[in-house]
Amino acid sequence: MTGGAIGWAATGACVVAAVLGALRWLRVAQREHYLPGSTIRFARRWWWASPLALAMAFGALAGAVLSWWWPSSAFATALVVAAGPPGLGLRGRSRPLAWTRRLRTLAGVVAVLGGLAIGLGAWSQVAPLAAAAVAAGVFVVVDAGCALTAPLERALADRHVRRARDRLRRVRPTVVAITGSYGKTSTKGAIAHLLGGSRAVVASPASFNNRAGLARAVNEHLAPGTEVFVAEMGTYGRGEIAELCRWIPPDIAVLTAIGPVHLERFRSEDRIVEAKAEILERARCAVLVVDDERLARLADEAEARGLRVWRCSGVTARSSGPPDADPGAGRRDVTVASGPEGLRVEVHGELLATVCVDARPGNVAAAVAVALELGVARPELVDRLASLPAVAHRLEAVRGSGGALVLDDTYNANPAGTRSALDRLAALAQPGGRVVVVTPGMVELGPRQVAENAAFAAAAMAVVSDLVVVGRTNRRALVGGAVGAGGVRGGVIAPGGGRWRHRESRPGPAGDGSTHRRRGGRPPVVWTAPDRDTAVAWVRAELGPGDVVLYENDLPDHYP
């Protein structure tokens, strides 16, 4: 081939590689809600995930740079981009690419941006260099497309928001708005259940908790005659909840918890408090879980502004006076304490009910407060509490096919939740049985992510016989925390054939492991698995009757 032919062939190879790479990063953008900056952040994680990925990244960059002098070098870039990063497939395990209208628009913008760059390169007679640069940096092109299409998407969404606002004005339901770092979905479900016996209730489905999702929930589900609309509201920054409340003004605002969730975006928990507190600005009644001192202060501030305030607790009793005190004359308190007989529900210090249900006490307390505020009769409330359904994938207990007890907590991703999960796991452990935690760890904890995951793994060593660390995102922190607390390295669980090995090792610096759960006199064993499917196969092969496994969190597969 002539030099020109080689250059055009290399250019074509890079174009094909850029298309394949774009499919990967478009899926990442979709899973991250098209937020500008997210694709670059995940690309950095993937290309730094392993020595092989890092070597491939340098190879792609080197091929692009060298194509200035030797066009054939662009073939190296094309090969790397088409194949990598290792582990990020074209099709997803947890959710494949969905060709929605928004994704098609973004893909078109990405194609135009990449085509312009390559066209300029061809006009400047450096087509191989331009094509290699686009291929190597296709994740940057996708991120640029997200930024460019954001104003358009917001303008298109305005139409749906206006429809939702008009529908809310026509139907005129009582609006219960819920936010918090965690516990939103569980509390939403509990409120809908407690009200469902005497009210026509619509709750926003699944995790439809942003502007577009809530507009869709209203437009598709809010029918005439709806008495109560329960809206879950999420946020990635200040101003988002305030904007939601302008067109979904809440009558009752519920704040469940504050924790180090989404710290990558918020940077501090104080900013989280400020953003979540926006839900109180237009409400007439506030329901706050005041076990967190910051929410207790918010409750005092809201009451000083004239709001009716319910103070809820899932930890300590908080009585506003004698049991026969008039709730309207003083503070309103609901306390739910977990004990051997179940959940003990108290209102103003008076026992309402003791119920055996699977739910977190603080979430139940907030739901009871909302039901009481909306006039649900106490006998009906007691009946509804007794049938409170478990929330799917949130400490849901099921029996596995091999006979082991499975605790499904795969929708959980916060430090407080992991502590509750370990407590529940310890309570269900059987003498002589294996106790296993399978986890990829917690994400979006910002600068605290390493420390929080290490602490979680260390705490697990007091409970488990085996810890299975899934994926690479938090592997170093989890393994380090576990080994530092007395665990021993067990090796790698290999996919496709059920092969794994146990390497004998002395316990870490925490001592001889005498305080840890053992099997055959052995301290807890720490395994690593490349993905959740491999870990599940290991659990099914290894565990049986008398054993219990906790699946704590499950990251979508756009995480390394």
Protein backbone atom coordinates (compact mmCIF):
# COMPACT_ATOMS: atom_id res chain seq x y z
CA MET A 1 0.00 0.00 0.00
CA THR A 2 1.12 3.54 -0.66
CA GLY A 3 1.62 6.00 2.16
CA GLY A 4 -1.64 7.75 1.30
CA ALA A 5 -3.57 4.49 1.21
CA ILE A 6 -2.15 3.48 4.59
CA GLY A 7 -3.18 6.84 6.04
CA TRP A 8 -6.75 6.50 4.79
CA ALA A 9 -6.94 2.90 6.00
CA ALA A 10 -5.72 4.00 9.44
CA THR A 11 -8.26 6.82 9.42
CA GLY A 12 -11.05 4.39 8.62
CA ALA A 13 -9.94 2.00 11.37
CA CYS A 14 -9.99 4.85 13.89
CA VAL A 15 -13.47 5.92 12.77
CA VAL A 16 -14.76 2.38 13.34
CA ALA A 17 -13.02 2.27 16.74
CA ALA A 18 -14.47 5.67 17.67
CA VAL A 19 -17.97 4.38 16.91
CA LEU A 20 -17.42 1.33 19.14
CA GLY A 21 -15.94 3.49 21.87
CA ALA A 22 -18.83 5.94 21.61
CA LEU A 23 -21.31 3.11 22.20
CA ARG A 24 -19.54 2.28 25.47
CA TRP A 25 -19.39 5.85 26.71
CA LEU A 26 -22.92 6.69 25.57
CA ARG A 27 -24.13 3.91 27.86
CA VAL A 28 -22.12 5.38 30.72
CA ALA A 29 -23.59 8.83 30.01
CA GLN A 30 -27.11 7.38 30.00
CA ARG A 31 -26.57 5.58 33.32
CA GLU A 32 -25.22 8.80 34.84
CA HIS A 33 -28.28 10.81 33.74
CA TYR A 34 -26.34 12.66 31.02
CA LEU A 35 -24.60 14.86 33.58
CA PRO A 36 -21.69 16.74 31.94
CA GLY A 37 -18.39 15.59 33.41
CA SER A 38 -19.60 12.12 34.35
CA THR A 39 -18.24 10.35 31.27
CA ILE A 40 -14.76 11.81 31.74
CA ARG A 41 -14.86 10.84 35.42
CA PHE A 42 -15.75 7.24 34.60
CA ALA A 43 -13.22 7.07 31.77
CA ARG A 44 -10.53 8.02 34.25
CA ARG A 45 -11.67 5.23 36.58
CA TRP A 46 -11.73 2.61 33.83
CA TRP A 47 -8.39 3.46 32.21
CA TRP A 48 -6.73 3.50 35.65
CA ALA A 49 -8.52 0.39 36.91
CA SER A 50 -5.67 -2.08 36.26
CA PRO A 51 -2.09 -2.16 34.97
CA LEU A 52 -3.37 -3.66 31.70
CA ALA A 53 -5.91 -0.85 31.21
CA LEU A 54 -3.29 1.79 31.99
CA ALA A 55 -0.83 0.25 29.52
CA MET A 56 -3.53 0.19 26.86
CA ALA A 57 -4.38 3.85 27.51
CA PHE A 58 -0.76 4.88 27.05
CA GLY A 59 -0.62 2.76 23.90
CA ALA A 60 -3.67 4.55 22.47
CA LEU A 61 -2.20 7.97 23.24
CA ALA A 62 1.19 7.02 21.86
CA GLY A 63 -0.37 5.75 18.64
CA ALA A 64 -2.31 9.00 18.22
CA VAL A 65 0.76 11.19 18.80
CA LEU A 66 3.05 9.12 16.56
CA SER A 67 0.52 9.20 13.73
CA TRP A 68 1.69 12.77 13.08
CA TRP A 69 4.89 11.24 11.65
CA TRP A 70 3.81 7.66 10.90
CA PRO A 71 0.12 7.38 9.94
CA SER A 72 0.21 3.61 10.45
CA SER A 73 0.63 4.22 14.20
CA ALA A 74 -3.05 5.17 14.30
CA PHE A 75 -3.86 1.46 13.87
CA ALA A 76 -2.59 0.91 17.44
CA THR A 77 -5.00 3.56 18.73
CA ALA A 78 -7.87 1.97 16.79
CA LEU A 79 -7.10 -1.47 18.19
CA VAL A 80 -6.97 -0.26 21.80
CA VAL A 81 -10.13 1.85 21.59
CA ALA A 82 -12.06 -0.95 19.88
CA ALA A 83 -11.06 -3.43 22.60
CA GLY A 84 -10.96 -1.31 25.74
CA PRO A 85 -11.01 -0.45 28.44
CA PRO A 86 -10.96 -4.08 29.62
CA GLY A 87 -14.21 -5.02 31.32
CA LEU A 88 -16.41 -2.27 29.88
CA GLY A 89 -18.43 -4.16 27.31
CA LEU A 90 -20.48 -2.88 24.42
CA ARG A 91 -23.58 -4.44 25.98
CA GLY A 92 -24.29 -4.04 29.67
CA ARG A 93 -24.98 -6.77 32.21
CA SER A 94 -27.18 -4.63 34.44
CA ARG A 95 -28.80 -2.48 31.75
CA PRO A 96 -28.06 -2.37 28.01
CA LEU A 97 -27.98 0.83 26.04
CA ALA A 98 -31.56 2.08 25.50
CA TRP A 99 -32.01 4.04 22.29
CA THR A 100 -34.35 6.68 23.68
CA ARG A 101 -35.08 9.92 21.90
CA ARG A 102 -32.59 11.68 24.16
CA LEU A 103 -29.84 9.17 23.49
CA ARG A 104 -30.41 9.36 19.74
CA THR A 105 -30.09 13.15 19.93
CA LEU A 106 -26.87 12.87 21.92
CA ALA A 107 -25.46 10.24 19.55
CA GLY A 108 -26.18 12.53 16.61
CA VAL A 109 -24.39 15.46 18.26
CA VAL A 110 -21.41 13.21 19.10
CA ALA A 111 -21.28 12.04 15.48
CA VAL A 112 -21.31 15.63 14.23
CA LEU A 113 -18.57 16.72 16.65
CA GLY A 114 -16.37 13.77 15.79
CA GLY A 115 -17.04 14.18 12.07
CA LEU A 116 -16.13 17.87 12.18
CA ALA A 117 -12.85 17.13 13.93
CA ILE A 118 -11.92 14.40 11.45
CA GLY A 119 -13.04 16.56 8.52
CA LEU A 120 -10.84 19.43 9.69
CA GLY A 121 -7.98 16.97 10.01
CA ALA A 122 -8.52 15.75 6.45
CA TRP A 123 -8.64 19.33 5.19
CA SER A 124 -5.33 19.95 7.00
CA GLN A 125 -3.93 16.71 5.56
CA VAL A 126 -3.59 15.09 9.01
CA ALA A 127 -6.65 12.84 8.83
CA PRO A 128 -5.00 9.86 10.64
CA LEU A 129 -3.96 12.10 13.53
CA ALA A 130 -7.41 13.69 13.82
CA ALA A 131 -9.20 10.34 13.65
CA ALA A 132 -6.85 8.79 16.21
CA ALA A 133 -7.34 11.77 18.54
CA VAL A 134 -11.13 11.48 18.25
CA ALA A 135 -10.99 7.73 18.91
CA ALA A 136 -8.66 8.05 21.90
CA GLY A 137 -10.71 10.87 23.38
CA VAL A 138 -14.18 9.76 22.33
CA PHE A 139 -15.34 9.93 25.97
CA VAL A 140 -14.49 13.65 25.91
CA VAL A 141 -16.60 14.04 22.76
CA VAL A 142 -19.51 12.29 24.51
CA ASP A 143 -19.16 14.58 27.52
CA ALA A 144 -19.08 17.63 25.24
CA GLY A 145 -22.26 16.35 23.62
CA CYS A 146 -23.92 16.08 27.04
CA ALA A 147 -23.02 19.70 27.80
CA LEU A 148 -24.23 20.94 24.41
CA THR A 149 -27.56 19.11 24.54
CA ALA A 150 -28.37 19.99 28.17
CA PRO A 151 -30.09 23.34 27.36
CA LEU A 152 -32.09 21.69 24.58
CA GLU A 153 -33.21 18.86 26.86
CA ARG A 154 -34.25 21.29 29.57
CA ALA A 155 -36.28 23.31 27.06
CA LEU A 156 -37.98 20.13 25.81
CA ALA A 157 -38.69 19.05 29.39
CA ASP A 158 -40.32 22.42 30.17
CA ARG A 159 -43.31 21.38 28.07
CA HIS A 160 -43.86 18.27 30.22
CA VAL A 161 -43.34 20.26 33.41
CA ARG A 162 -46.02 22.76 32.36
CA ARG A 163 -48.43 19.92 31.70
CA ALA A 164 -47.65 18.42 35.11
CA ARG A 165 -48.14 21.77 36.85
CA ASP A 166 -51.53 22.21 35.18
CA ARG A 167 -52.60 18.68 36.10
CA LEU A 168 -51.63 19.21 39.74
CA ARG A 169 -53.70 22.41 39.81
CA ARG A 170 -56.73 20.60 38.38
CA VAL A 171 -56.55 17.50 40.57
CA ARG A 172 -55.43 19.42 43.70
CA PRO A 173 -54.09 16.47 45.73
CA THR A 174 -52.39 16.87 49.07
CA VAL A 175 -48.68 16.69 48.22
CA VAL A 176 -46.29 14.80 50.47
CA ALA A 177 -42.72 15.47 49.31
CA ILE A 178 -39.86 13.30 50.58
CA THR A 179 -36.12 13.80 50.42
CA GLY A 180 -33.04 12.67 52.30
CA SER A 181 -29.65 11.12 51.69
CA TYR A 182 -31.22 7.68 52.08
CA GLY A 183 -34.53 6.16 53.13
CA LYS A 184 -36.58 8.13 50.59
CA THR A 185 -37.99 5.21 48.60
CA SER A 186 -38.69 3.05 51.66
CA THR A 187 -40.47 5.90 53.44
CA LYS A 188 -42.45 6.73 50.29
CA GLY A 189 -43.68 3.14 50.10
CA ALA A 190 -44.59 3.07 53.79
CA ILE A 191 -46.54 6.34 53.53
CA ALA A 192 -48.47 5.12 50.47
CA HIS A 193 -49.34 1.89 52.29
CA LEU A 194 -50.49 3.56 55.52
CA LEU A 195 -52.66 6.03 53.63
CA GLY A 196 -53.93 3.53 51.07
CA GLY A 197 -56.71 2.14 53.26
CA SER A 198 -58.65 5.41 53.42
CA ARG A 199 -57.21 7.70 50.74
CA ALA A 200 -56.74 7.55 46.98
CA VAL A 201 -52.95 7.70 46.83
CA VAL A 202 -50.48 8.00 43.95
CA ALA A 203 -46.77 7.66 44.68
CA SER A 204 -44.05 8.54 42.18
CA PRO A 205 -42.83 5.20 40.79
CA ALA A 206 -39.40 3.63 41.21
CA SER A 207 -36.73 6.33 41.43
CA PHE A 208 -38.58 8.99 39.43
CA ASN A 209 -37.21 11.67 41.71
CA ASN A 210 -35.84 14.35 39.39
CA ARG A 211 -37.50 17.02 37.25
CA ALA A 212 -38.19 14.85 34.24
CA GLY A 213 -39.16 11.79 36.26
CA LEU A 214 -41.63 13.64 38.49
CA ALA A 215 -43.21 15.41 35.53
CA ARG A 216 -43.69 12.02 33.89
CA ALA A 217 -45.11 10.56 37.12
CA VAL A 218 -47.69 13.35 37.36
CA ASN A 219 -48.65 13.28 33.69
CA GLU A 220 -48.97 9.49 33.49
CA HIS A 221 -50.35 8.53 36.92
CA LEU A 222 -52.17 11.45 38.58
CA ALA A 223 -55.85 10.86 37.78
CA PRO A 224 -58.87 12.92 38.83
CA GLY A 225 -59.94 11.90 42.31
CA THR A 226 -56.39 11.38 43.58
CA GLU A 227 -56.33 12.66 47.15
CA VAL A 228 -52.64 12.34 48.01
CA PHE A 229 -49.58 12.51 45.77
CA VAL A 230 -46.38 11.20 47.39
CA ALA A 231 -43.36 12.61 45.56
CA GLU A 232 -39.78 11.46 46.12
CA MET A 233 -37.34 14.30 45.42
CA GLY A 234 -33.63 13.79 44.78
CA THR A 235 -30.90 16.31 44.16
CA TYR A 236 -27.30 16.57 43.02
CA GLY A 237 -26.88 20.20 44.10
CA ARG A 238 -28.42 23.29 45.60
CA GLY A 239 -31.49 24.76 43.92
CA GLU A 240 -32.84 21.54 42.39
CA ILE A 241 -35.35 20.73 45.14
CA ALA A 242 -36.36 24.40 45.41
CA GLU A 243 -37.12 24.34 41.68
CA LEU A 244 -39.16 21.14 42.02
CA CYS A 245 -41.16 22.63 44.87
CA ARG A 246 -42.09 25.64 42.76
CA TRP A 247 -44.32 23.47 40.57
CA ILE A 248 -44.97 20.63 43.05
CA PRO A 249 -45.53 22.71 46.22
CA PRO A 250 -45.59 20.30 49.16
CA ASP A 251 -48.19 20.42 51.89
CA ILE A 252 -46.09 18.05 53.99
CA ALA A 253 -42.30 17.88 53.61
CA VAL A 254 -40.43 14.82 54.90
CA LEU A 255 -36.67 14.73 55.49
CA THR A 256 -35.46 11.22 56.29
CA ALA A 257 -31.71 11.40 56.88
CA ILE A 258 -28.45 13.17 56.12
CA GLY A 259 -25.36 11.18 55.22
CA PRO A 260 -22.24 11.16 53.05
CA VAL A 261 -24.07 10.27 49.83
CA HIS A 262 -23.23 12.05 46.54
CA LEU A 263 -20.23 13.72 48.19
CA GLU A 264 -18.47 13.64 44.81
CA ARG A 265 -20.88 16.37 43.79
CA PHE A 266 -21.76 18.07 47.10
CA ARG A 267 -18.22 17.98 48.59
CA SER A 268 -19.54 18.31 52.18
CA GLU A 269 -22.46 17.15 54.31
CA ASP A 270 -23.24 20.76 55.24
CA ARG A 271 -24.03 21.43 51.58
CA ILE A 272 -26.22 18.33 51.54
CA VAL A 273 -28.20 19.72 54.49
CA GLU A 274 -28.63 23.06 52.73
CA ALA A 275 -29.84 21.41 49.52
CA LYS A 276 -32.24 19.00 51.25
CA ALA A 277 -33.65 21.73 53.52
CA GLU A 278 -35.08 23.48 50.45
CA ILE A 279 -37.99 21.05 50.68
CA LEU A 280 -39.23 22.86 53.81
CA GLU A 281 -39.47 26.33 52.27
CA ARG A 282 -43.01 26.04 50.85
CA ALA A 283 -44.47 23.37 53.14
CA ARG A 284 -47.03 23.93 55.91
CA CYS A 285 -45.91 20.86 57.85
CA ALA A 286 -42.47 19.31 58.30
CA VAL A 287 -41.68 15.71 59.27
CA LEU A 288 -38.04 15.20 60.24
CA VAL A 289 -36.13 12.19 61.58
CA VAL A 290 -34.27 14.06 64.31
CA ASP A 291 -31.81 11.34 65.34
CA ASP A 292 -29.37 13.45 63.33
CA GLU A 293 -28.56 16.64 65.25
CA ARG A 294 -28.58 18.64 62.03
CA LEU A 295 -32.17 17.62 61.35
CA ALA A 296 -33.07 18.36 64.96
CA ARG A 297 -31.80 21.92 64.44
CA LEU A 298 -33.77 22.16 61.20
CA ALA A 299 -36.88 21.07 63.11
CA ASP A 300 -36.37 23.87 65.65
CA GLU A 301 -35.82 26.42 62.88
CA ALA A 302 -38.91 25.26 60.98
CA GLU A 303 -41.05 25.47 64.10
CA ALA A 304 -39.75 28.97 64.80
CA ARG A 305 -40.95 29.97 61.31
CA GLY A 306 -44.45 28.76 62.12
CA LEU A 307 -44.47 25.30 60.51
CA ARG A 308 -46.19 22.36 62.15
CA VAL A 309 -43.31 20.01 62.95
CA TRP A 310 -43.33 16.28 63.66
CA ARG A 311 -40.12 15.04 65.26
CA CYS A 312 -39.51 11.38 64.49
CA SER A 313 -36.95 8.98 65.89
CA GLY A 314 -35.80 5.47 65.19
CA VAL A 315 -33.31 5.45 68.07
CA THR A 316 -34.42 7.22 71.24
CA ALA A 317 -37.79 8.07 72.75
CA ARG A 318 -38.74 11.74 72.54
CA SER A 319 -41.89 12.62 74.44
CA SER A 320 -43.51 16.02 74.23
CA GLY A 321 -45.46 15.58 77.44
CA PRO A 322 -47.90 13.23 79.13
CA PRO A 323 -49.65 10.64 76.96
CA ASP A 324 -52.94 12.53 77.01
CA ALA A 325 -51.36 15.81 75.92
CA ASP A 326 -53.16 17.55 73.07
CA PRO A 327 -50.96 17.04 69.96
CA GLY A 328 -52.05 20.38 68.57
CA ALA A 329 -50.91 22.23 71.67
CA GLY A 330 -47.29 21.16 71.71
CA ARG A 331 -44.63 19.17 69.94
CA ARG A 332 -45.56 16.19 67.80
CA ASP A 333 -43.37 13.12 68.30
CA VAL A 334 -43.25 9.61 66.87
CA THR A 335 -40.69 7.11 68.13
CA VAL A 336 -40.12 3.65 66.67
CA ALA A 337 -37.74 1.39 68.56
CA SER A 338 -36.61 -2.03 67.38
CA GLY A 339 -36.71 -4.83 69.94
CA PRO A 340 -37.06 -8.60 70.30
CA GLU A 341 -40.85 -8.37 69.90
CA GLY A 342 -40.65 -6.21 66.78
CA LEU A 343 -41.03 -2.48 66.21
CA ARG A 344 -42.51 -0.56 69.13
CA VAL A 345 -44.35 2.51 67.80
CA GLU A 346 -45.00 5.35 70.24
CA VAL A 347 -46.82 8.63 69.61
CA HIS A 348 -46.20 11.40 72.18
CA GLY A 349 -44.77 8.76 74.50
CA GLU A 350 -47.90 6.56 74.29
CA LEU A 351 -47.70 3.08 72.79
CA LEU A 352 -49.56 2.88 69.48
CA ALA A 353 -48.58 -0.63 68.39
CA THR A 354 -45.91 -3.30 68.42
CA VAL A 355 -45.56 -4.85 64.99
CA CYS A 356 -43.34 -7.53 63.48
CA VAL A 357 -42.38 -6.05 60.13
CA ASP A 358 -39.19 -5.73 58.14
CA ALA A 359 -38.52 -1.99 58.05
CA ARG A 360 -36.10 0.59 59.38
CA PRO A 361 -37.50 2.33 62.46
CA GLY A 362 -36.83 5.93 61.37
CA ASN A 363 -38.62 5.40 58.05
CA VAL A 364 -41.64 3.90 59.81
CA ALA A 365 -41.73 6.80 62.30
CA ALA A 366 -41.84 9.36 59.49
CA ALA A 367 -44.58 7.42 57.68
CA VAL A 368 -46.68 7.23 60.86
CA ALA A 369 -46.28 10.98 61.40
CA VAL A 370 -47.55 11.71 57.88
CA ALA A 371 -50.53 9.39 58.35
CA LEU A 372 -51.45 11.03 61.63
CA GLU A 373 -51.07 14.51 60.13
CA LEU A 374 -53.50 13.52 57.37
CA GLY A 375 -56.06 12.24 59.83
CA VAL A 376 -55.76 8.47 59.52
CA ALA A 377 -57.62 6.95 62.49
CA ARG A 378 -55.41 5.15 64.96
CA PRO A 379 -57.18 1.76 64.76
CA GLU A 380 -56.82 1.81 60.98
CA LEU A 381 -53.19 2.90 61.31
CA VAL A 382 -52.44 -0.03 63.62
CA ASP A 383 -54.00 -2.45 61.10
CA ARG A 384 -52.05 -0.98 58.21
CA LEU A 385 -48.78 -1.06 60.19
CA ALA A 386 -49.20 -4.79 60.80
CA SER A 387 -49.29 -5.41 57.04
CA LEU A 388 -46.49 -3.01 56.09
CA PRO A 389 -44.79 -4.68 53.10
CA ALA A 390 -41.07 -5.24 52.90
CA VAL A 391 -39.22 -3.04 50.42
CA ALA A 392 -37.69 -4.98 47.55
CA HIS A 393 -33.89 -5.27 47.61
CA ARG A 394 -33.62 -3.50 50.97
CA LEU A 395 -32.68 -6.16 53.53
CA GLU A 396 -35.21 -8.47 51.91
CA ALA A 397 -34.83 -12.03 53.24
CA VAL A 398 -35.37 -14.92 50.81
CA ARG A 399 -34.34 -18.58 50.73
CA GLY A 400 -31.78 -19.39 48.04
CA SER A 401 -32.03 -22.36 45.71
CA GLY A 402 -29.34 -24.21 47.67
CA GLY A 403 -31.03 -23.66 51.02
CA ALA A 404 -28.96 -20.74 52.28
CA LEU A 405 -30.74 -17.67 53.64
CA VAL A 406 -30.17 -14.65 51.36
CA LEU A 407 -30.37 -11.06 52.60
CA ASP A 408 -30.87 -8.86 49.54
CA ASP A 409 -29.69 -5.32 50.33
CA THR A 410 -28.54 -4.55 46.81
CA TYR A 411 -30.27 -1.15 46.63
CA ASN A 412 -28.42 0.13 49.66
CA ALA A 413 -25.35 2.34 49.39
CA ASN A 414 -24.71 4.32 52.54
CA PRO A 415 -22.67 3.83 55.73
CA ALA A 416 -25.65 3.85 58.10
CA GLY A 417 -27.41 1.22 56.02
CA THR A 418 -24.39 -1.08 55.98
CA ARG A 419 -24.22 -0.98 59.78
CA SER A 420 -27.89 -1.99 60.01
CA ALA A 421 -27.32 -4.75 57.47
CA LEU A 422 -24.42 -6.22 59.45
CA ASP A 423 -26.52 -6.15 62.62
CA ARG A 424 -29.29 -8.03 60.84
CA LEU A 425 -26.80 -10.51 59.40
CA ALA A 426 -25.35 -11.23 62.83
CA ALA A 427 -28.83 -11.80 64.25
CA LEU A 428 -29.64 -14.39 61.56
CA ALA A 429 -26.33 -16.31 61.75
CA GLN A 430 -26.69 -19.98 62.73
CA PRO A 431 -24.21 -21.84 64.97
CA GLY A 432 -21.69 -23.60 62.75
CA GLY A 433 -23.02 -21.99 59.59
CA ARG A 434 -21.08 -19.82 57.22
CA VAL A 435 -21.84 -16.11 57.21
CA VAL A 436 -20.94 -14.31 53.97
CA VAL A 437 -21.03 -10.73 52.73
CA VAL A 438 -20.86 -10.09 48.96
CA THR A 439 -20.25 -6.43 48.13
CA PRO A 440 -18.68 -3.99 45.68
CA GLY A 441 -18.66 -1.41 48.48
CA MET A 442 -20.13 2.08 48.51
CA VAL A 443 -19.66 4.84 45.94
CA GLU A 444 -20.22 8.59 45.57
CA LEU A 445 -18.73 9.23 49.03
CA GLY A 446 -16.13 11.69 47.73
CA PRO A 447 -12.99 11.99 49.87
CA ARG A 448 -14.52 9.65 52.48
CA GLN A 449 -15.04 6.74 50.13
CA VAL A 450 -11.83 4.86 50.96
CA ALA A 451 -12.20 5.31 54.73
CA GLU A 452 -15.90 4.39 54.80
CA ASN A 453 -15.37 1.22 52.76
CA ALA A 454 -12.40 0.19 54.87
CA ALA A 455 -14.45 0.73 58.03
CA PHE A 456 -17.32 -1.32 56.62
CA ALA A 457 -15.00 -4.22 55.77
CA ALA A 458 -13.38 -4.05 59.21
CA ALA A 459 -16.80 -4.14 60.90
CA ALA A 460 -17.78 -7.13 58.76
CA MET A 461 -14.84 -9.12 60.14
CA ALA A 462 -16.62 -9.36 63.50
CA VAL A 463 -19.60 -11.02 61.82
CA VAL A 464 -18.60 -13.03 58.75
CA SER A 465 -16.77 -16.20 57.85
CA ASP A 466 -16.19 -14.92 54.29
CA LEU A 467 -16.13 -11.51 52.61
CA VAL A 468 -16.41 -11.47 48.80
CA VAL A 469 -15.25 -8.19 47.26
CA VAL A 470 -16.78 -7.62 43.82
CA GLY A 471 -15.11 -5.57 41.09
CA ARG A 472 -12.24 -3.10 41.29
CA THR A 473 -13.92 0.15 42.32
CA ASN A 474 -13.41 -0.32 46.07
CA ARG A 475 -11.27 -3.47 46.11
CA ARG A 476 -8.18 -1.94 47.71
CA ALA A 477 -10.13 -0.21 50.48
CA LEU A 478 -12.30 -3.22 51.30
CA VAL A 479 -9.49 -5.77 51.27
CA GLY A 480 -7.22 -3.45 53.25
CA GLY A 481 -9.87 -2.80 55.89
CA ALA A 482 -10.69 -6.51 56.20
CA VAL A 483 -7.09 -7.73 56.43
CA GLY A 484 -6.25 -4.95 58.87
CA ALA A 485 -9.05 -6.20 61.12
CA GLY A 486 -7.83 -9.81 61.14
CA GLY A 487 -9.10 -11.28 57.89
CA VAL A 488 -6.93 -13.43 55.66
CA ARG A 489 -6.59 -13.29 51.90
CA GLY A 490 -8.41 -16.16 50.25
CA GLY A 491 -7.50 -15.56 46.64
CA VAL A 492 -9.48 -14.86 43.48
CA ILE A 493 -12.81 -16.40 42.52
CA ALA A 494 -12.40 -17.22 38.83
CA PRO A 495 -15.33 -17.02 36.42
CA GLY A 496 -16.57 -19.80 34.15
CA GLY A 497 -16.11 -23.11 35.88
CA GLY A 498 -16.29 -22.44 39.58
CA ARG A 499 -12.56 -22.42 40.20
CA TRP A 500 -11.22 -20.73 43.31
CA ARG A 501 -8.43 -21.25 45.71
CA HIS A 502 -7.68 -20.54 49.33
CA ARG A 503 -4.21 -19.38 50.21
CA GLU A 504 -3.29 -20.03 53.84
CA SER A 505 -2.21 -16.85 55.54
CA ARG A 506 -1.71 -15.50 59.01
CA PRO A 507 -4.22 -12.96 60.30
CA GLY A 508 -3.47 -9.27 59.97
CA PRO A 509 -2.24 -6.96 62.70
CA ALA A 510 -5.51 -7.11 64.66
CA GLY A 511 -4.28 -10.32 66.33
CA ASP A 512 -5.16 -14.00 66.11
CA GLY A 513 -8.74 -13.40 65.08
CA SER A 514 -10.14 -14.91 68.28
CA THR A 515 -13.00 -12.39 68.35
CA HIS A 516 -14.05 -13.20 64.80
CA ARG A 517 -16.54 -15.74 63.52
CA ARG A 518 -14.61 -18.84 62.46
CA ARG A 519 -15.18 -21.94 60.45
CA GLY A 520 -12.84 -24.75 61.33
CA GLY A 521 -10.85 -22.41 63.60
CA ARG A 522 -10.00 -20.13 60.69
CA PRO A 523 -10.36 -16.34 60.79
CA PRO A 524 -12.59 -14.67 58.19
CA VAL A 525 -11.48 -15.17 54.60
CA VAL A 526 -11.42 -12.32 52.08
CA TRP A 527 -12.09 -13.25 48.45
CA THR A 528 -12.13 -11.11 45.32
CA ALA A 529 -14.40 -11.63 42.33
CA PRO A 530 -14.31 -9.80 38.99
CA ASP A 531 -18.08 -9.32 38.83
CA ARG A 532 -21.33 -10.07 40.64
CA ASP A 533 -22.27 -13.05 38.44
CA THR A 534 -19.04 -14.81 39.40
CA ALA A 535 -19.63 -14.07 43.08
CA VAL A 536 -23.20 -15.41 42.89
CA ALA A 537 -21.95 -18.62 41.25
CA TRP A 538 -19.47 -19.06 44.12
CA VAL A 539 -22.20 -18.51 46.73
CA ARG A 540 -24.48 -21.08 45.08
CA ALA A 541 -21.67 -23.65 44.94
CA GLU A 542 -20.36 -23.04 48.46
CA LEU A 543 -23.37 -22.29 50.68
CA GLY A 544 -26.29 -24.43 51.78
CA PRO A 545 -28.77 -24.89 54.63
CA GLY A 546 -27.64 -23.19 57.83
CA ASP A 547 -25.60 -20.58 55.95
CA VAL A 548 -26.55 -16.95 55.38
CA VAL A 549 -25.31 -14.45 52.79
CA LEU A 550 -25.78 -10.69 52.63
CA TYR A 551 -25.63 -9.02 49.20
CA GLU A 552 -24.75 -5.46 50.18
CA ASN A 553 -25.14 -2.99 47.31
CA ASP A 554 -24.80 -3.83 43.63
CA LEU A 555 -23.04 -1.37 41.35
CA PRO A 556 -24.21 -1.18 37.75
CA ASP A 557 -21.64 -2.51 35.32
CA HIS A 558 -20.49 0.90 34.12
CA TYR A 559 -18.40 0.87 37.30
CA PRO A 560 -15.05 -0.99 37.11
